[in-house]
Amino acid sequence: MRRLVCAVTLSIGMLMGCGGPADVNTPDTVDSVEQGLACQYPDMLCPSRYACVGGLCRKECPETEVCWNGAACRIYADGTPYCF
């Protein structure tokens, strides 16, 4: 009987240590992501200085063919240049 009481007490104590309210820090606003925004359907439009590449809005490649991060522009399968 003593073992049963100890086992039940231990089990309840362990369960109480695992419970409690979750600390959820949800932001009040949603931040924007520069890459990976879906193109606007059905026209496949993107914000200015962005191109629709494979269904996602990507930064357009400048005329210098060098992106803002110093990397060379990438070319999508359909021939659209973009920065990654």
Foldseek 3Di string as FASTA:
>chain_A
DVVVVVVVVVVVVVVVVPDDDDDDDDDPDDDDDQWFAFADPPVRHDPPQWHQAPRITFGAQDPVQADPVRHGWDAGPVGGTGDD
